[in-house]
Amino acid sequence: MKAKDLMSTTLRIVPPEMPVLAVAELLSSHGISAVPVVDGSGTPLGIVTEGDLIRRLADEEPGPLRWFLGQYQDAGRLAKRFLKAHGATARDVMTAELVTVEEDTPAEEIARLMEERRIKRVPVLRDDKIVGIVSRSDLLRAILRPQGQEQSATNADDSAILRAVLAVMRKQPWVDTFWTYPSVHDGVVTFYGYARNDSVRNGLRVMAQEIPGVTKVEDQLEPMPLILRATL
């Protein structure tokens, strides 16, 4: 599988001069953990993640000892930390060292990049413009799908249905997209992973049934372990 088969195309993007508080509100209201920053031509400049914004809460005024020790640390690194904690715009707080891939980048290469660079997502580019994002959860779905099969007309339809299922899942804040993995075969949508309660199970079933081409929805979800509930 390639990036174009896995990526989310329902993108939220922000301009570099967008206020930090507005970016935080965007992440919170849409239930997403990161948003790309692009210029007027659509070229990606960086990405603002929850981690970038959390640094604002973690930062504190340096005491005498911390100030003294700071004299022997990398000034550039300290300045970047200060900018993320006190910056007013997306440009100020974004992570500018972007790792990107092309639409035809194999899933294996994306997984290697994420592991080596210790990142959770990569923007997908076409002609230097962002067209999607591949996250860790997208790669998990690649593992669940059969490998080495020829792409038939039915498989192509199933791929379209899967993309539609993923798109509507990401729009709902109550869907645990990191722990719920849909699969589609011959128009049948099957949910794997974990569900926190029966309401979520029923919501997923109704959500999938409304998608054109879906003939049946099967629930293979397990009750969510307590250790996972503690992370939500």
Protein backbone atom coordinates (compact mmCIF):
# COMPACT_ATOMS: atom_id res chain seq x y z
CA MET A 1 0.00 0.00 0.00
CA LYS A 2 1.06 3.57 -0.66
CA ALA A 3 0.50 6.93 0.99
CA LYS A 4 -2.39 7.78 -1.35
CA ASP A 5 -4.23 4.63 -0.19
CA LEU A 6 -3.83 5.48 3.49
CA MET A 7 -3.91 9.25 3.82
CA SER A 8 -6.69 11.35 5.25
CA THR A 9 -7.81 13.99 2.76
CA THR A 10 -10.29 15.82 5.02
CA LEU A 11 -7.65 18.35 5.97
CA ARG A 12 -7.71 21.27 8.35
CA ILE A 13 -4.97 23.78 7.51
CA VAL A 14 -4.07 27.15 9.00
CA PRO A 15 -2.15 30.23 7.76
CA PRO A 16 1.12 31.15 9.48
CA GLU A 17 -0.31 34.31 11.07
CA MET A 18 -3.29 32.57 12.70
CA PRO A 19 -3.33 33.33 16.48
CA VAL A 20 -2.20 30.49 18.72
CA LEU A 21 -5.43 30.55 20.73
CA ALA A 22 -7.44 30.11 17.51
CA VAL A 23 -5.25 27.14 16.54
CA ALA A 24 -5.83 25.55 19.96
CA GLU A 25 -9.59 26.05 19.59
CA LEU A 26 -9.47 24.42 16.13
CA LEU A 27 -7.69 21.34 17.46
CA SER A 28 -10.08 21.04 20.39
CA SER A 29 -13.32 21.60 18.49
CA HIS A 30 -12.49 19.12 15.72
CA GLY A 31 -10.89 16.47 17.92
CA ILE A 32 -7.57 16.48 16.05
CA SER A 33 -4.03 16.48 17.41
CA ALA A 34 -2.19 18.47 14.75
CA VAL A 35 -2.75 20.91 11.90
CA PRO A 36 -0.44 21.82 8.98
CA VAL A 37 0.62 25.44 8.47
CA VAL A 38 0.64 26.51 4.79
CA ASP A 39 1.36 29.72 2.93
CA GLY A 40 -0.91 31.44 0.43
CA SER A 41 0.11 29.09 -2.39
CA GLY A 42 -0.60 25.95 -0.37
CA THR A 43 3.05 25.12 0.29
CA PRO A 44 3.52 23.58 3.77
CA LEU A 45 5.65 25.60 6.17
CA GLY A 46 5.35 23.45 9.26
CA ILE A 47 2.90 21.76 11.58
CA VAL A 48 1.40 22.69 14.96
CA THR A 49 0.81 19.73 17.27
CA GLU A 50 -0.71 19.34 20.69
CA GLY A 51 2.84 18.93 21.99
CA ASP A 52 3.80 22.34 20.63
CA LEU A 53 0.90 23.95 22.50
CA ILE A 54 1.37 21.99 25.72
CA ARG A 55 4.83 23.54 26.04
CA ARG A 56 3.06 26.81 26.82
CA LEU A 57 1.63 25.24 29.98
CA ALA A 58 4.86 23.49 30.94
CA ASP A 59 7.08 26.55 30.63
CA GLU A 60 7.93 28.50 33.76
CA GLU A 61 10.02 31.49 34.68
CA PRO A 62 13.65 30.45 35.31
CA GLY A 63 14.89 30.74 38.88
CA PRO A 64 18.46 31.83 39.72
CA LEU A 65 19.91 28.30 39.38
CA ARG A 66 18.08 27.55 36.14
CA TRP A 67 19.13 30.92 34.71
CA PHE A 68 22.78 30.26 35.64
CA LEU A 69 22.78 26.76 34.10
CA GLY A 70 21.15 28.21 30.98
CA GLN A 71 24.32 30.21 30.32
CA TYR A 72 26.05 26.92 29.44
CA GLN A 73 23.30 25.49 27.24
CA ASP A 74 22.60 25.86 23.53
CA ALA A 75 21.21 29.38 23.10
CA GLY A 76 19.40 28.46 19.89
CA ARG A 77 17.56 25.57 21.56
CA LEU A 78 16.58 27.72 24.52
CA ALA A 79 15.33 30.46 22.19
CA LYS A 80 13.18 27.97 20.26
CA ARG A 81 11.67 26.75 23.52
CA PHE A 82 10.90 30.31 24.59
CA LEU A 83 9.30 31.06 21.21
CA LYS A 84 7.01 28.02 21.43
CA ALA A 85 5.98 29.00 24.95
CA HIS A 86 5.36 32.68 24.25
CA GLY A 87 4.72 32.93 20.48
CA ALA A 88 1.49 34.56 19.35
CA THR A 89 1.01 32.96 15.93
CA ALA A 90 1.09 29.54 14.30
CA ARG A 91 4.41 30.44 12.66
CA ASP A 92 5.93 31.10 16.09
CA VAL A 93 4.99 27.76 17.66
CA MET A 94 4.98 25.38 14.70
CA THR A 95 7.51 22.62 14.14
CA ALA A 96 9.22 23.73 10.94
CA GLU A 97 11.40 20.64 10.37
CA LEU A 98 8.74 18.81 8.36
CA VAL A 99 9.12 15.20 7.28
CA THR A 100 6.98 14.72 4.15
CA VAL A 101 6.26 11.94 1.66
CA GLU A 102 4.86 11.68 -1.86
CA GLU A 103 1.59 9.97 -2.82
CA ASP A 104 3.46 6.91 -4.12
CA THR A 105 5.63 6.44 -1.02
CA PRO A 106 5.16 2.84 0.24
CA ALA A 107 3.63 2.25 3.67
CA GLU A 108 6.83 0.49 4.77
CA GLU A 109 8.90 3.59 4.02
CA ILE A 110 6.44 5.80 5.92
CA ALA A 111 6.61 3.49 8.94
CA ARG A 112 10.42 3.61 8.86
CA LEU A 113 10.40 7.42 8.74
CA MET A 114 8.00 7.65 11.68
CA GLU A 115 10.12 5.29 13.74
CA GLU A 116 13.44 6.95 12.91
CA ARG A 117 12.21 10.52 13.37
CA ARG A 118 9.92 9.69 16.31
CA ILE A 119 6.90 11.40 14.74
CA LYS A 120 3.22 10.49 14.70
CA ARG A 121 2.19 11.74 11.25
CA VAL A 122 3.58 12.84 7.89
CA PRO A 123 2.06 15.25 5.34
CA VAL A 124 1.62 13.87 1.81
CA LEU A 125 2.67 16.20 -1.02
CA ARG A 126 1.76 16.52 -4.69
CA ASP A 127 3.74 19.13 -6.66
CA ASP A 128 5.00 20.53 -3.33
CA LYS A 129 1.40 21.09 -2.12
CA ILE A 130 -0.14 19.17 0.77
CA VAL A 131 -2.94 16.79 -0.28
CA GLY A 132 -3.26 14.56 2.78
CA ILE A 133 -1.78 13.27 6.04
CA VAL A 134 -0.80 9.73 7.05
CA SER A 135 -0.91 9.02 10.79
CA ARG A 136 0.13 6.04 12.91
CA SER A 137 -3.44 4.78 13.02
CA ASP A 138 -3.55 4.85 9.20
CA LEU A 139 -0.50 2.56 9.15
CA LEU A 140 -2.17 0.15 11.57
CA ARG A 141 -5.01 -0.22 9.10
CA ALA A 142 -2.46 -1.13 6.43
CA ILE A 143 -1.36 -4.05 8.60
CA LEU A 144 -4.93 -5.33 8.84
CA ARG A 145 -5.48 -5.38 5.07
CA PRO A 146 -4.45 -8.40 2.95
CA GLN A 147 -1.11 -8.05 1.15
CA GLY A 148 -0.14 -9.17 -2.34
CA GLN A 149 -3.63 -9.22 -3.82
CA GLU A 150 -4.39 -7.78 -7.24
CA GLN A 151 -6.59 -4.69 -7.17
CA SER A 152 -9.87 -5.79 -8.75
CA ALA A 153 -12.89 -3.62 -9.45
CA THR A 154 -14.46 -4.88 -6.23
CA ASN A 155 -11.31 -4.05 -4.26
CA ALA A 156 -11.31 -0.58 -5.79
CA ASP A 157 -14.89 -0.07 -4.60
CA ASP A 158 -13.95 -1.37 -1.17
CA SER A 159 -11.07 1.12 -1.03
CA ALA A 160 -13.46 3.97 -1.78
CA ILE A 161 -15.83 2.78 0.94
CA LEU A 162 -12.96 2.49 3.42
CA ARG A 163 -11.85 6.05 2.69
CA ALA A 164 -15.43 7.24 3.22
CA VAL A 165 -15.69 5.34 6.53
CA LEU A 166 -12.41 6.83 7.77
CA ALA A 167 -13.50 10.31 6.72
CA VAL A 168 -16.77 10.22 8.68
CA MET A 169 -15.03 8.63 11.69
CA ARG A 170 -12.57 11.51 11.89
CA LYS A 171 -15.40 14.04 11.91
CA GLN A 172 -16.91 12.64 15.12
CA PRO A 173 -15.15 13.48 18.42
CA TRP A 174 -16.65 10.42 20.15
CA VAL A 175 -14.92 7.97 17.78
CA ASP A 176 -11.66 6.58 19.17
CA THR A 177 -9.89 6.54 15.79
CA PHE A 178 -6.61 5.35 17.27
CA TRP A 179 -8.22 2.22 18.76
CA THR A 180 -10.90 1.45 16.15
CA TYR A 181 -9.89 -0.03 12.79
CA PRO A 182 -12.42 -0.51 9.99
CA SER A 183 -11.94 -3.02 7.19
CA VAL A 184 -14.04 -3.40 4.02
CA HIS A 185 -14.46 -6.54 1.89
CA ASP A 186 -17.14 -6.94 -0.78
CA GLY A 187 -19.03 -3.98 0.66
CA VAL A 188 -19.06 -5.40 4.20
CA VAL A 189 -17.60 -3.03 6.81
CA THR A 190 -16.03 -4.75 9.83
CA PHE A 191 -14.86 -2.82 12.88
CA TYR A 192 -11.89 -4.19 14.84
CA GLY A 193 -10.14 -2.89 17.93
CA TYR A 194 -11.76 -1.56 21.10
CA ALA A 195 -14.99 0.27 21.98
CA ARG A 196 -15.55 2.10 25.24
CA ASN A 197 -19.30 1.30 25.40
CA ASP A 198 -22.34 0.04 23.45
CA SER A 199 -23.35 3.55 22.42
CA VAL A 200 -20.10 3.88 20.51
CA ARG A 201 -20.67 0.47 18.90
CA ASN A 202 -24.15 1.46 17.75
CA GLY A 203 -22.97 4.85 16.56
CA LEU A 204 -20.29 3.23 14.40
CA ARG A 205 -22.83 0.80 12.95
CA VAL A 206 -25.29 3.55 11.99
CA MET A 207 -22.47 5.73 10.66
CA ALA A 208 -21.21 2.98 8.33
CA GLN A 209 -24.70 1.98 7.17
CA GLU A 210 -25.29 5.49 5.81
CA ILE A 211 -22.33 5.25 3.42
CA PRO A 212 -23.26 4.37 -0.18
CA GLY A 213 -22.06 0.91 -1.21
CA VAL A 214 -22.06 -0.59 2.27
CA THR A 215 -24.06 -3.84 2.28
CA LYS A 216 -23.48 -4.93 5.87
CA VAL A 217 -21.72 -3.85 9.06
CA GLU A 218 -20.04 -6.37 11.37
CA ASP A 219 -18.86 -5.62 14.90
CA GLN A 220 -15.67 -7.37 15.99
CA LEU A 221 -14.83 -4.77 18.63
CA GLU A 222 -13.61 -5.79 22.07
CA PRO A 223 -14.44 -3.96 25.32
CA MET A 224 -11.83 -1.30 25.95
CA PRO A 225 -9.36 -2.37 28.68
CA LEU A 226 -9.17 -0.19 31.77
CA ILE A 227 -5.54 0.66 31.05
CA LEU A 228 -6.59 2.21 27.73
CA ARG A 229 -9.53 4.05 29.27
CA ALA A 230 -7.07 5.80 31.57
CA THR A 231 -5.34 7.33 28.52
CA LEU A 232 -8.53 8.87 27.08
